[in-house]
N, C-alpha and C. Protein backbone atom coordinates (compact mmCIF):
# COMPACT_ATOMS: atom_id res chain seq x y z
N MET A 1 70.32 -114.79 88.39
CA MET A 1 70.74 -115.53 89.58
C MET A 1 69.63 -115.59 90.62
N LYS A 2 68.80 -114.55 90.71
CA LYS A 2 67.72 -114.58 91.69
C LYS A 2 66.79 -115.75 91.45
N ARG A 3 66.50 -116.03 90.17
CA ARG A 3 65.66 -117.18 89.85
C ARG A 3 66.33 -118.48 90.28
N LEU A 4 67.66 -118.52 90.20
CA LEU A 4 68.38 -119.72 90.63
C LEU A 4 68.14 -120.01 92.10
N LEU A 5 68.15 -118.96 92.91
CA LEU A 5 67.99 -119.15 94.35
C LEU A 5 66.62 -119.69 94.70
N PHE A 6 65.61 -119.27 93.95
CA PHE A 6 64.27 -119.75 94.23
C PHE A 6 63.98 -121.10 93.59
N ALA A 7 64.79 -121.47 92.61
CA ALA A 7 64.53 -122.69 91.87
C ALA A 7 65.25 -123.91 92.43
N ILE A 8 65.89 -123.76 93.58
CA ILE A 8 66.67 -124.86 94.14
C ILE A 8 65.82 -126.08 94.48
N SER A 9 64.51 -125.89 94.64
CA SER A 9 63.64 -127.01 94.97
C SER A 9 63.03 -127.66 93.73
N ALA A 10 63.52 -127.29 92.54
CA ALA A 10 62.98 -127.86 91.30
C ALA A 10 63.26 -129.36 91.25
N ALA A 11 62.51 -130.06 90.37
CA ALA A 11 62.66 -131.51 90.26
C ALA A 11 64.04 -131.87 89.72
N ALA A 12 64.62 -132.95 90.24
CA ALA A 12 65.95 -133.36 89.80
C ALA A 12 65.87 -134.06 88.46
N LEU A 13 66.80 -133.68 87.56
CA LEU A 13 66.88 -134.34 86.26
C LEU A 13 67.79 -135.56 86.33
N TRP A 14 68.85 -135.42 87.10
CA TRP A 14 69.81 -136.51 87.23
C TRP A 14 70.32 -136.53 88.65
N ILE A 15 70.38 -137.67 89.31
CA ILE A 15 70.77 -137.74 90.71
C ILE A 15 71.83 -138.81 90.89
N ALA A 16 72.89 -138.45 91.64
CA ALA A 16 73.89 -139.43 92.07
C ALA A 16 73.79 -139.52 93.58
N THR A 17 73.35 -140.64 94.11
CA THR A 17 73.04 -140.71 95.53
C THR A 17 73.90 -141.69 96.31
N ALA A 18 74.84 -142.37 95.66
CA ALA A 18 75.67 -143.29 96.41
C ALA A 18 76.51 -142.51 97.42
N GLY A 19 76.60 -143.00 98.65
CA GLY A 19 77.34 -142.28 99.67
C GLY A 19 76.46 -141.29 100.39
N ALA A 20 77.09 -140.44 101.22
CA ALA A 20 76.33 -139.54 102.08
C ALA A 20 75.83 -138.32 101.32
N ALA A 21 76.61 -137.78 100.40
CA ALA A 21 76.22 -136.55 99.71
C ALA A 21 75.25 -136.85 98.58
N GLU A 22 74.27 -135.96 98.40
CA GLU A 22 73.38 -136.03 97.25
C GLU A 22 73.80 -134.94 96.28
N ILE A 23 74.14 -135.33 95.06
CA ILE A 23 74.59 -134.40 94.04
C ILE A 23 73.58 -134.46 92.91
N GLU A 24 72.88 -133.35 92.70
CA GLU A 24 71.77 -133.34 91.76
C GLU A 24 71.93 -132.27 90.70
N LEU A 25 71.66 -132.63 89.46
CA LEU A 25 71.52 -131.66 88.38
C LEU A 25 70.04 -131.32 88.30
N LEU A 26 69.68 -130.06 88.57
CA LEU A 26 68.29 -129.67 88.66
C LEU A 26 67.76 -129.15 87.34
N ASP A 27 66.52 -129.50 87.07
CA ASP A 27 65.87 -129.12 85.82
C ASP A 27 65.07 -127.84 86.04
N VAL A 28 65.59 -126.73 85.55
CA VAL A 28 64.91 -125.44 85.67
C VAL A 28 64.73 -124.88 84.26
N PRO A 29 63.55 -125.04 83.68
CA PRO A 29 63.34 -124.59 82.29
C PRO A 29 63.58 -123.10 82.13
N GLY A 30 64.18 -122.74 81.00
CA GLY A 30 64.35 -121.33 80.67
C GLY A 30 65.63 -120.70 81.17
N LEU A 31 66.42 -121.43 81.93
CA LEU A 31 67.67 -120.88 82.46
C LEU A 31 68.85 -121.38 81.65
N ALA A 32 69.70 -120.44 81.22
CA ALA A 32 70.89 -120.83 80.47
C ALA A 32 71.94 -121.46 81.38
N VAL A 33 71.94 -121.04 82.65
CA VAL A 33 72.90 -121.58 83.62
C VAL A 33 72.30 -122.82 84.29
N LYS A 34 73.02 -123.91 84.26
CA LYS A 34 72.57 -125.13 84.92
C LYS A 34 72.79 -125.02 86.43
N MET A 35 71.98 -125.74 87.18
CA MET A 35 72.08 -125.74 88.63
C MET A 35 72.43 -127.13 89.12
N VAL A 36 73.44 -127.19 89.98
CA VAL A 36 73.80 -128.44 90.63
C VAL A 36 73.68 -128.24 92.14
N SER A 37 72.96 -129.12 92.80
CA SER A 37 72.80 -129.08 94.25
C SER A 37 73.71 -130.12 94.88
N PHE A 38 74.51 -129.69 95.86
CA PHE A 38 75.41 -130.58 96.59
C PHE A 38 75.01 -130.52 98.06
N LYS A 39 74.44 -131.62 98.58
CA LYS A 39 73.98 -131.66 99.96
C LYS A 39 74.54 -132.87 100.67
N GLY A 40 74.96 -132.67 101.92
CA GLY A 40 75.40 -133.78 102.74
C GLY A 40 76.89 -133.82 102.97
N GLU A 41 77.30 -134.79 103.76
CA GLU A 41 78.71 -134.94 104.11
C GLU A 41 79.54 -135.31 102.90
N ILE A 42 80.74 -134.75 102.82
CA ILE A 42 81.66 -135.03 101.71
C ILE A 42 82.46 -136.27 102.05
N VAL A 43 82.25 -137.33 101.28
CA VAL A 43 82.88 -138.62 101.58
C VAL A 43 83.69 -139.09 100.38
N ASP A 44 84.40 -140.19 100.59
CA ASP A 44 85.23 -140.77 99.56
C ASP A 44 84.40 -141.09 98.31
N GLY A 45 84.88 -140.65 97.16
CA GLY A 45 84.20 -140.90 95.89
C GLY A 45 83.31 -139.77 95.43
N ASP A 46 83.09 -138.75 96.26
CA ASP A 46 82.19 -137.65 95.87
C ASP A 46 82.76 -136.81 94.73
N ALA A 47 84.08 -136.68 94.65
CA ALA A 47 84.67 -135.93 93.55
C ALA A 47 84.36 -136.59 92.21
N MET A 48 84.44 -137.91 92.17
CA MET A 48 84.10 -138.63 90.94
C MET A 48 82.63 -138.49 90.62
N LYS A 49 81.78 -138.58 91.64
CA LYS A 49 80.34 -138.39 91.43
C LYS A 49 80.05 -137.01 90.89
N PHE A 50 80.72 -136.00 91.43
CA PHE A 50 80.53 -134.63 90.98
C PHE A 50 80.92 -134.50 89.51
N ARG A 51 82.06 -135.07 89.14
CA ARG A 51 82.50 -135.00 87.75
C ARG A 51 81.50 -135.68 86.82
N ASP A 52 80.92 -136.79 87.28
CA ASP A 52 79.92 -137.48 86.45
C ASP A 52 78.68 -136.61 86.22
N VAL A 53 78.26 -135.89 87.26
CA VAL A 53 77.06 -135.05 87.14
C VAL A 53 77.30 -133.87 86.20
N ILE A 54 78.48 -133.24 86.26
CA ILE A 54 78.74 -132.03 85.48
C ILE A 54 79.32 -132.34 84.10
N ASP A 55 79.50 -133.60 83.79
CA ASP A 55 80.10 -133.97 82.51
C ASP A 55 79.32 -133.35 81.35
N GLY A 56 80.03 -132.61 80.50
CA GLY A 56 79.43 -132.00 79.33
C GLY A 56 78.76 -130.65 79.57
N LEU A 57 78.76 -130.17 80.81
CA LEU A 57 78.12 -128.88 81.12
C LEU A 57 79.13 -127.74 81.04
N ASP A 58 78.65 -126.57 80.58
CA ASP A 58 79.54 -125.42 80.43
C ASP A 58 79.28 -124.35 81.49
N ARG A 59 78.04 -123.97 81.73
CA ARG A 59 77.71 -122.89 82.67
C ARG A 59 76.91 -123.49 83.83
N VAL A 60 77.50 -123.44 85.01
CA VAL A 60 76.91 -124.12 86.16
C VAL A 60 77.04 -123.26 87.41
N SER A 61 75.99 -123.24 88.23
CA SER A 61 76.05 -122.70 89.58
C SER A 61 75.86 -123.86 90.55
N VAL A 62 76.80 -124.03 91.48
CA VAL A 62 76.78 -125.15 92.42
C VAL A 62 76.26 -124.64 93.77
N PHE A 63 75.11 -125.15 94.19
CA PHE A 63 74.50 -124.77 95.46
C PHE A 63 74.97 -125.74 96.54
N LEU A 64 75.54 -125.20 97.62
CA LEU A 64 76.20 -126.02 98.63
C LEU A 64 75.45 -126.00 99.95
N GLU A 65 75.30 -127.16 100.55
CA GLU A 65 74.74 -127.31 101.89
C GLU A 65 75.35 -128.56 102.50
N SER A 66 76.38 -128.36 103.34
CA SER A 66 77.16 -129.52 103.81
C SER A 66 77.85 -129.20 105.13
N PRO A 67 77.96 -130.21 106.01
CA PRO A 67 78.70 -130.03 107.25
C PRO A 67 80.20 -130.19 107.07
N GLY A 68 80.63 -130.51 105.84
CA GLY A 68 82.05 -130.74 105.60
C GLY A 68 82.33 -132.20 105.33
N GLY A 69 83.59 -132.58 105.52
CA GLY A 69 83.96 -133.96 105.26
C GLY A 69 85.41 -134.07 104.85
N LEU A 70 85.69 -134.94 103.90
CA LEU A 70 87.06 -135.23 103.50
C LEU A 70 87.67 -134.07 102.71
N VAL A 71 88.82 -133.60 103.19
CA VAL A 71 89.50 -132.47 102.54
C VAL A 71 89.94 -132.85 101.12
N LYS A 72 90.48 -134.04 100.95
CA LYS A 72 90.97 -134.47 99.63
C LYS A 72 89.87 -134.39 98.59
N GLU A 73 88.69 -134.89 98.91
CA GLU A 73 87.58 -134.86 97.97
C GLU A 73 87.14 -133.41 97.69
N ALA A 74 87.11 -132.60 98.75
CA ALA A 74 86.68 -131.20 98.59
C ALA A 74 87.64 -130.44 97.68
N LEU A 75 88.94 -130.66 97.84
CA LEU A 75 89.91 -129.96 97.00
C LEU A 75 89.80 -130.39 95.54
N GLU A 76 89.51 -131.65 95.31
CA GLU A 76 89.32 -132.11 93.93
C GLU A 76 88.09 -131.48 93.31
N ILE A 77 87.01 -131.40 94.08
CA ILE A 77 85.78 -130.77 93.59
C ILE A 77 86.03 -129.29 93.35
N GLY A 78 86.71 -128.64 94.30
CA GLY A 78 87.01 -127.22 94.15
C GLY A 78 87.85 -126.94 92.92
N ALA A 79 88.84 -127.77 92.66
CA ALA A 79 89.69 -127.59 91.49
C ALA A 79 88.88 -127.72 90.21
N GLU A 80 87.97 -128.67 90.18
CA GLU A 80 87.11 -128.86 89.01
C GLU A 80 86.24 -127.64 88.78
N ILE A 81 85.71 -127.09 89.86
CA ILE A 81 84.86 -125.90 89.76
C ILE A 81 85.65 -124.71 89.22
N ARG A 82 86.86 -124.50 89.73
CA ARG A 82 87.65 -123.35 89.28
C ARG A 82 88.08 -123.50 87.83
N VAL A 83 88.53 -124.68 87.45
CA VAL A 83 88.98 -124.91 86.07
C VAL A 83 87.83 -124.68 85.09
N ARG A 84 86.63 -125.07 85.49
CA ARG A 84 85.47 -124.93 84.60
C ARG A 84 84.77 -123.58 84.73
N ASN A 85 85.29 -122.72 85.61
CA ASN A 85 84.74 -121.37 85.76
C ASN A 85 83.30 -121.38 86.26
N PHE A 86 82.97 -122.33 87.15
CA PHE A 86 81.62 -122.43 87.71
C PHE A 86 81.45 -121.44 88.86
N ALA A 87 80.21 -121.09 89.14
CA ALA A 87 79.87 -120.27 90.30
C ALA A 87 79.51 -121.18 91.47
N THR A 88 79.69 -120.68 92.69
CA THR A 88 79.29 -121.41 93.89
C THR A 88 78.34 -120.54 94.71
N VAL A 89 77.38 -121.20 95.37
CA VAL A 89 76.33 -120.48 96.09
C VAL A 89 76.07 -121.15 97.43
N VAL A 90 76.05 -120.35 98.50
CA VAL A 90 75.49 -120.78 99.78
C VAL A 90 74.29 -119.88 100.03
N SER A 91 73.11 -120.43 99.89
CA SER A 91 71.88 -119.64 99.94
C SER A 91 71.60 -119.11 101.33
N THR A 92 70.66 -118.19 101.40
CA THR A 92 70.27 -117.58 102.66
C THR A 92 69.90 -118.64 103.70
N GLY A 93 70.55 -118.57 104.85
CA GLY A 93 70.24 -119.47 105.96
C GLY A 93 70.82 -120.87 105.84
N GLN A 94 71.55 -121.17 104.77
CA GLN A 94 72.11 -122.51 104.59
C GLN A 94 73.49 -122.61 105.24
N ASP A 95 73.90 -123.85 105.55
CA ASP A 95 75.18 -124.12 106.21
C ASP A 95 76.19 -124.70 105.23
N CYS A 96 77.42 -124.24 105.34
CA CYS A 96 78.52 -124.79 104.53
C CYS A 96 79.77 -124.69 105.39
N PHE A 97 80.15 -125.79 106.02
CA PHE A 97 81.22 -125.77 107.00
C PHE A 97 82.44 -126.56 106.53
N SER A 98 83.59 -126.16 107.08
CA SER A 98 84.83 -126.92 106.93
C SER A 98 85.17 -127.16 105.46
N ALA A 99 85.26 -128.41 105.04
CA ALA A 99 85.65 -128.74 103.66
C ALA A 99 84.67 -128.16 102.64
N CYS A 100 83.42 -128.00 103.01
CA CYS A 100 82.44 -127.39 102.11
C CYS A 100 82.84 -125.96 101.79
N GLY A 101 83.36 -125.24 102.78
CA GLY A 101 83.81 -123.88 102.55
C GLY A 101 84.93 -123.80 101.53
N LEU A 102 85.77 -124.83 101.49
CA LEU A 102 86.84 -124.87 100.50
C LEU A 102 86.27 -125.00 99.09
N ILE A 103 85.18 -125.72 98.95
CA ILE A 103 84.51 -125.82 97.65
C ILE A 103 83.91 -124.47 97.28
N TRP A 104 83.23 -123.83 98.24
CA TRP A 104 82.59 -122.54 97.97
C TRP A 104 83.60 -121.49 97.51
N VAL A 105 84.73 -121.38 98.20
CA VAL A 105 85.70 -120.34 97.87
C VAL A 105 86.37 -120.61 96.52
N SER A 106 86.24 -121.82 95.99
CA SER A 106 86.83 -122.16 94.70
C SER A 106 86.05 -121.56 93.54
N GLY A 107 84.84 -121.10 93.79
CA GLY A 107 83.99 -120.60 92.71
C GLY A 107 84.60 -119.41 91.99
N ALA A 108 84.43 -119.37 90.68
CA ALA A 108 84.87 -118.21 89.91
C ALA A 108 84.03 -116.99 90.30
N ARG A 109 82.76 -117.23 90.70
CA ARG A 109 81.89 -116.21 91.28
C ARG A 109 81.27 -116.84 92.53
N ARG A 110 81.37 -116.15 93.64
CA ARG A 110 80.92 -116.71 94.92
C ARG A 110 79.70 -115.93 95.41
N TYR A 111 78.62 -116.64 95.67
CA TYR A 111 77.38 -116.02 96.13
C TYR A 111 77.09 -116.42 97.57
N MET A 112 76.64 -115.43 98.37
CA MET A 112 76.27 -115.68 99.75
C MET A 112 75.37 -114.55 100.21
N SER A 113 74.84 -114.67 101.42
CA SER A 113 74.08 -113.58 102.03
C SER A 113 74.60 -113.37 103.45
N SER A 114 74.06 -112.38 104.12
CA SER A 114 74.50 -112.10 105.49
C SER A 114 74.11 -113.22 106.44
N THR A 115 73.15 -114.06 106.06
CA THR A 115 72.72 -115.17 106.92
C THR A 115 73.23 -116.52 106.43
N SER A 116 74.03 -116.53 105.37
CA SER A 116 74.68 -117.78 104.96
C SER A 116 75.73 -118.13 106.00
N LYS A 117 75.75 -119.36 106.44
CA LYS A 117 76.71 -119.80 107.45
C LYS A 117 77.84 -120.57 106.78
N ILE A 118 78.97 -119.88 106.57
CA ILE A 118 80.14 -120.49 105.95
C ILE A 118 81.25 -120.47 106.99
N GLY A 119 81.62 -121.65 107.48
CA GLY A 119 82.55 -121.72 108.60
C GLY A 119 83.79 -122.54 108.28
N PHE A 120 84.91 -122.15 108.91
CA PHE A 120 86.19 -122.79 108.63
C PHE A 120 86.90 -123.17 109.92
N HIS A 121 87.68 -124.23 109.84
CA HIS A 121 88.62 -124.58 110.91
C HIS A 121 89.75 -125.40 110.31
N ALA A 122 90.75 -125.64 111.13
CA ALA A 122 91.90 -126.42 110.66
C ALA A 122 91.49 -127.85 110.34
N ALA A 123 92.16 -128.43 109.37
CA ALA A 123 91.94 -129.84 109.08
C ALA A 123 92.48 -130.69 110.24
N TYR A 124 91.83 -131.81 110.49
CA TYR A 124 92.24 -132.64 111.62
C TYR A 124 92.10 -134.11 111.28
N ARG A 125 92.71 -134.92 112.13
CA ARG A 125 92.59 -136.38 112.03
C ARG A 125 92.25 -136.91 113.42
N GLU A 126 91.66 -138.08 113.45
CA GLU A 126 91.29 -138.69 114.73
C GLU A 126 92.32 -139.74 115.11
N GLU A 127 92.84 -139.62 116.32
CA GLU A 127 93.80 -140.59 116.85
C GLU A 127 93.38 -140.99 118.26
N ASN A 128 93.07 -142.26 118.43
CA ASN A 128 92.70 -142.80 119.74
C ASN A 128 91.57 -141.98 120.39
N GLY A 129 90.59 -141.63 119.56
CA GLY A 129 89.44 -140.91 120.07
C GLY A 129 89.65 -139.42 120.26
N GLU A 130 90.84 -138.92 119.93
CA GLU A 130 91.12 -137.49 120.05
C GLU A 130 91.32 -136.88 118.67
N TYR A 131 90.91 -135.61 118.55
CA TYR A 131 91.06 -134.89 117.29
C TYR A 131 92.33 -134.05 117.33
N LYS A 132 93.21 -134.27 116.35
CA LYS A 132 94.47 -133.54 116.27
C LYS A 132 94.61 -132.92 114.89
N GLU A 133 95.17 -131.71 114.87
CA GLU A 133 95.34 -131.02 113.59
C GLU A 133 96.27 -131.82 112.69
N SER A 134 95.95 -131.82 111.40
CA SER A 134 96.76 -132.53 110.41
C SER A 134 97.62 -131.52 109.66
N GLY A 135 98.92 -131.55 109.93
CA GLY A 135 99.83 -130.63 109.27
C GLY A 135 99.85 -130.83 107.76
N VAL A 136 99.80 -132.08 107.32
CA VAL A 136 99.83 -132.37 105.89
C VAL A 136 98.60 -131.81 105.20
N ALA A 137 97.42 -132.07 105.77
CA ALA A 137 96.18 -131.60 105.16
C ALA A 137 96.12 -130.08 105.14
N ASN A 138 96.56 -129.43 106.23
CA ASN A 138 96.54 -127.97 106.27
C ASN A 138 97.52 -127.37 105.28
N ALA A 139 98.66 -128.05 105.06
CA ALA A 139 99.61 -127.59 104.05
C ALA A 139 99.00 -127.69 102.65
N GLU A 140 98.27 -128.77 102.40
CA GLU A 140 97.61 -128.93 101.10
C GLU A 140 96.54 -127.86 100.90
N ILE A 141 95.81 -127.54 101.97
CA ILE A 141 94.80 -126.48 101.90
C ILE A 141 95.47 -125.14 101.59
N GLY A 142 96.56 -124.85 102.29
CA GLY A 142 97.27 -123.60 102.07
C GLY A 142 97.77 -123.48 100.64
N SER A 143 98.33 -124.56 100.10
CA SER A 143 98.81 -124.55 98.72
C SER A 143 97.67 -124.33 97.75
N PHE A 144 96.55 -125.00 97.98
CA PHE A 144 95.38 -124.86 97.11
C PHE A 144 94.86 -123.43 97.11
N LEU A 145 94.72 -122.84 98.30
CA LEU A 145 94.20 -121.49 98.40
C LEU A 145 95.16 -120.47 97.79
N THR A 146 96.45 -120.75 97.89
CA THR A 146 97.44 -119.87 97.25
C THR A 146 97.26 -119.90 95.74
N HIS A 147 97.03 -121.08 95.18
CA HIS A 147 96.80 -121.19 93.74
C HIS A 147 95.51 -120.50 93.32
N LEU A 148 94.55 -120.38 94.23
CA LEU A 148 93.33 -119.64 93.93
C LEU A 148 93.56 -118.14 93.93
N GLY A 149 94.73 -117.72 94.43
CA GLY A 149 95.06 -116.30 94.45
C GLY A 149 94.74 -115.61 95.76
N LEU A 150 94.44 -116.38 96.81
CA LEU A 150 94.13 -115.77 98.10
C LEU A 150 95.40 -115.41 98.84
N ARG A 151 95.34 -114.34 99.62
CA ARG A 151 96.52 -113.91 100.36
C ARG A 151 96.59 -114.60 101.73
N ILE A 152 97.72 -114.40 102.40
CA ILE A 152 98.02 -115.15 103.60
C ILE A 152 97.00 -114.94 104.70
N GLU A 153 96.42 -113.72 104.80
CA GLU A 153 95.43 -113.46 105.85
C GLU A 153 94.21 -114.34 105.67
N ALA A 154 93.79 -114.56 104.44
CA ALA A 154 92.63 -115.42 104.18
C ALA A 154 92.96 -116.88 104.50
N ILE A 155 94.16 -117.31 104.12
CA ILE A 155 94.55 -118.69 104.39
C ILE A 155 94.60 -118.95 105.89
N ARG A 156 95.12 -117.99 106.65
CA ARG A 156 95.15 -118.14 108.11
C ARG A 156 93.74 -118.23 108.67
N PHE A 157 92.83 -117.40 108.15
CA PHE A 157 91.45 -117.41 108.63
C PHE A 157 90.83 -118.79 108.41
N PHE A 158 91.16 -119.43 107.30
CA PHE A 158 90.56 -120.72 106.97
C PHE A 158 91.09 -121.85 107.83
N THR A 159 92.26 -121.68 108.43
CA THR A 159 92.90 -122.82 109.10
C THR A 159 93.28 -122.56 110.55
N ILE A 160 92.93 -121.41 111.11
CA ILE A 160 93.43 -121.06 112.44
C ILE A 160 92.57 -121.65 113.57
N ALA A 161 91.28 -121.83 113.35
CA ALA A 161 90.39 -122.34 114.41
C ALA A 161 90.68 -123.81 114.67
N GLY A 162 90.50 -124.24 115.92
CA GLY A 162 90.73 -125.63 116.29
C GLY A 162 89.66 -126.55 115.73
N PRO A 163 89.88 -127.88 115.83
CA PRO A 163 88.95 -128.85 115.27
C PRO A 163 87.54 -128.76 115.82
N ASP A 164 87.38 -128.25 117.06
CA ASP A 164 86.05 -128.17 117.66
C ASP A 164 85.49 -126.76 117.61
N GLN A 165 86.06 -125.90 116.73
CA GLN A 165 85.61 -124.52 116.61
C GLN A 165 85.36 -124.18 115.15
N PHE A 166 84.66 -123.07 114.92
CA PHE A 166 84.47 -122.55 113.58
C PHE A 166 84.63 -121.04 113.59
N LEU A 167 85.26 -120.52 112.55
CA LEU A 167 85.22 -119.09 112.29
C LEU A 167 84.25 -118.87 111.14
N LEU A 168 83.22 -118.05 111.37
CA LEU A 168 82.22 -117.81 110.35
C LEU A 168 82.63 -116.64 109.46
N LEU A 169 82.43 -116.84 108.17
CA LEU A 169 82.77 -115.82 107.19
C LEU A 169 81.53 -115.02 106.83
N THR A 170 81.57 -113.71 107.03
CA THR A 170 80.50 -112.82 106.61
C THR A 170 80.91 -112.15 105.30
N PRO A 171 79.96 -111.55 104.58
CA PRO A 171 80.36 -110.82 103.37
C PRO A 171 81.38 -109.73 103.66
N GLU A 172 81.21 -109.00 104.78
CA GLU A 172 82.15 -107.95 105.14
C GLU A 172 83.54 -108.52 105.41
N LYS A 173 83.60 -109.63 106.16
CA LYS A 173 84.89 -110.25 106.47
C LYS A 173 85.55 -110.76 105.20
N ALA A 174 84.76 -111.31 104.29
CA ALA A 174 85.32 -111.80 103.03
C ALA A 174 86.01 -110.68 102.27
N ARG A 175 85.37 -109.52 102.22
CA ARG A 175 85.97 -108.39 101.49
C ARG A 175 87.25 -107.91 102.17
N ILE A 176 87.27 -107.90 103.50
CA ILE A 176 88.47 -107.51 104.22
C ILE A 176 89.62 -108.46 103.90
N LEU A 177 89.30 -109.74 103.74
CA LEU A 177 90.32 -110.75 103.45
C LEU A 177 90.67 -110.82 101.96
N GLY A 178 90.05 -109.98 101.14
CA GLY A 178 90.36 -109.95 99.72
C GLY A 178 89.59 -110.97 98.89
N ILE A 179 88.48 -111.50 99.43
CA ILE A 179 87.67 -112.50 98.74
C ILE A 179 86.46 -111.81 98.12
N GLU A 180 86.37 -111.80 96.81
CA GLU A 180 85.24 -111.17 96.14
C GLU A 180 83.98 -112.02 96.30
N VAL A 181 82.87 -111.38 96.64
CA VAL A 181 81.60 -112.08 96.80
C VAL A 181 80.48 -111.29 96.15
N TYR A 182 79.46 -112.02 95.73
CA TYR A 182 78.19 -111.43 95.32
C TYR A 182 77.24 -111.64 96.50
N GLU A 183 76.81 -110.55 97.12
CA GLU A 183 76.01 -110.65 98.34
C GLU A 183 74.52 -110.47 98.02
N ASP A 184 73.72 -111.46 98.43
CA ASP A 184 72.28 -111.38 98.29
C ASP A 184 71.74 -110.36 99.28
N ALA A 185 71.23 -109.25 98.76
CA ALA A 185 70.72 -108.18 99.62
C ALA A 185 69.20 -108.23 99.76
N GLY A 186 68.57 -109.30 99.29
CA GLY A 186 67.13 -109.44 99.39
C GLY A 186 66.39 -108.98 98.16
N THR A 187 66.73 -107.80 97.67
CA THR A 187 66.10 -107.26 96.47
C THR A 187 67.00 -107.36 95.26
N GLY A 188 68.16 -107.88 95.43
CA GLY A 188 69.14 -108.00 94.36
C GLY A 188 70.49 -108.35 94.93
N PHE A 189 71.51 -108.32 94.09
CA PHE A 189 72.84 -108.69 94.54
C PHE A 189 73.78 -107.50 94.52
N THR A 190 74.56 -107.38 95.58
CA THR A 190 75.66 -106.42 95.63
C THR A 190 76.87 -107.08 94.99
N THR A 191 77.36 -106.51 93.91
CA THR A 191 78.45 -107.12 93.15
C THR A 191 79.80 -106.69 93.69
N PRO A 192 80.87 -107.38 93.32
CA PRO A 192 82.22 -106.95 93.73
C PRO A 192 82.57 -105.55 93.25
N ASN A 193 82.03 -105.11 92.14
CA ASN A 193 82.28 -103.75 91.68
C ASN A 193 81.62 -102.72 92.60
N GLN A 194 80.45 -103.07 93.11
CA GLN A 194 79.73 -102.16 94.00
C GLN A 194 80.31 -102.16 95.41
N ALA A 195 80.84 -103.28 95.84
CA ALA A 195 81.45 -103.41 97.17
C ALA A 195 82.80 -104.10 97.02
N PRO A 196 83.83 -103.35 96.64
CA PRO A 196 85.14 -103.95 96.37
C PRO A 196 85.80 -104.51 97.64
N THR A 197 86.77 -105.37 97.42
CA THR A 197 87.56 -105.90 98.52
C THR A 197 88.56 -104.85 99.00
N ALA A 198 89.14 -105.12 100.17
CA ALA A 198 90.18 -104.23 100.69
C ALA A 198 91.37 -104.16 99.75
N ASP A 199 91.65 -105.22 99.04
CA ASP A 199 92.77 -105.24 98.09
C ASP A 199 92.54 -104.24 96.96
N ILE A 200 91.32 -104.16 96.48
CA ILE A 200 91.00 -103.23 95.40
C ILE A 200 91.19 -101.80 95.87
N TYR A 201 90.71 -101.50 97.10
CA TYR A 201 90.90 -100.16 97.64
C TYR A 201 92.38 -99.82 97.78
N ALA A 202 93.17 -100.80 98.22
CA ALA A 202 94.62 -100.56 98.36
C ALA A 202 95.26 -100.31 97.00
N ASP A 203 94.85 -101.08 95.99
CA ASP A 203 95.40 -100.88 94.65
C ASP A 203 95.03 -99.50 94.12
N ARG A 204 93.79 -99.08 94.38
CA ARG A 204 93.36 -97.75 93.91
C ARG A 204 94.17 -96.65 94.60
N PHE A 205 94.40 -96.83 95.89
CA PHE A 205 95.18 -95.83 96.64
C PHE A 205 96.58 -95.69 96.06
N MET A 206 97.20 -96.84 95.78
CA MET A 206 98.54 -96.81 95.21
C MET A 206 98.53 -96.17 93.82
N ALA A 207 97.51 -96.51 93.01
CA ALA A 207 97.43 -95.96 91.66
C ALA A 207 97.23 -94.45 91.70
N TYR A 208 96.38 -93.99 92.62
CA TYR A 208 96.16 -92.55 92.74
C TYR A 208 97.44 -91.83 93.20
N GLY A 209 98.19 -92.47 94.09
CA GLY A 209 99.44 -91.88 94.56
C GLY A 209 100.45 -91.75 93.43
N ILE A 210 100.56 -92.81 92.61
CA ILE A 210 101.48 -92.77 91.47
C ILE A 210 101.04 -91.70 90.47
N LEU A 211 99.71 -91.65 90.22
CA LEU A 211 99.19 -90.65 89.28
C LEU A 211 99.47 -89.24 89.77
N ARG A 212 99.31 -89.02 91.08
CA ARG A 212 99.57 -87.69 91.63
C ARG A 212 101.02 -87.29 91.45
N SER A 213 101.93 -88.21 91.74
CA SER A 213 103.35 -87.89 91.62
C SER A 213 103.72 -87.59 90.17
N GLN A 214 103.13 -88.33 89.23
CA GLN A 214 103.41 -88.08 87.82
C GLN A 214 102.85 -86.74 87.37
N CYS A 215 101.63 -86.42 87.86
CA CYS A 215 101.01 -85.16 87.47
C CYS A 215 101.77 -83.97 88.06
N GLU A 216 102.27 -84.12 89.29
CA GLU A 216 103.05 -83.04 89.90
C GLU A 216 104.27 -82.71 89.06
N ALA A 217 104.96 -83.75 88.59
CA ALA A 217 106.15 -83.53 87.78
C ALA A 217 105.80 -82.99 86.40
N LEU A 218 104.71 -83.51 85.83
CA LEU A 218 104.33 -83.12 84.47
C LEU A 218 103.83 -81.68 84.41
N PHE A 219 102.96 -81.32 85.36
CA PHE A 219 102.35 -79.99 85.33
C PHE A 219 103.03 -79.00 86.27
N LYS A 220 104.09 -79.49 86.98
CA LYS A 220 104.85 -78.65 87.90
C LYS A 220 103.92 -77.95 88.91
N LEU A 221 103.08 -78.76 89.55
CA LEU A 221 102.15 -78.23 90.54
C LEU A 221 102.88 -77.96 91.85
N ASP A 222 102.52 -76.87 92.53
CA ASP A 222 103.14 -76.57 93.82
C ASP A 222 102.17 -76.93 94.93
N GLU A 223 102.64 -76.85 96.17
CA GLU A 223 101.85 -77.25 97.33
C GLU A 223 100.58 -76.41 97.49
N SER A 224 100.63 -75.12 97.13
CA SER A 224 99.46 -74.27 97.28
C SER A 224 98.32 -74.73 96.38
N PHE A 225 98.67 -75.31 95.21
CA PHE A 225 97.64 -75.82 94.30
C PHE A 225 97.04 -77.10 94.84
N MET A 226 97.88 -77.92 95.44
CA MET A 226 97.43 -79.21 95.95
C MET A 226 96.60 -79.02 97.18
């Protein structure tokens, strides 16, 4: 994966450039995992463009750099990524806001660093020059995130900020919310096994408690032994 991060500037093998977003399949010799770069605003038709680029590919890491855009397109791209078991990456110092963050969190493996800027806010629509939250779009986001297996605290984090605000996700915050991440530490990656989420710690606590109660009954341990 480290080579992937440095190879993002490799020459493009195939490019789909219609619309605002540039979606590129990058040619990096010697890598078993293919790299797809997604840059720019997410607009109508980008989900179809994305499917055209990844057609026939099995192992892919999707590098994201986007200010956001249409939620519908982002959810379609995210669903495609999850179904195909692709990884998503926001490289050091890169921006991935709003709908882009929904694509990133869809990854079967999510890569970021402490300086990756991944920001979320509620979905909105424009009416008479004013931005208003879209209940329908936020409901669709909540349903999608639930299907990804995220808990309610994470869903609230993704949709609680107003249209003119962002909540930034750090690796530490992601783990607190139960989102597994691979964190770029500069010299390598901190894996979810090395830095588990709060959910994993809670599960371990419960398992240890159950094991203790079973052992107490089995071995008839008294309080002085414990």
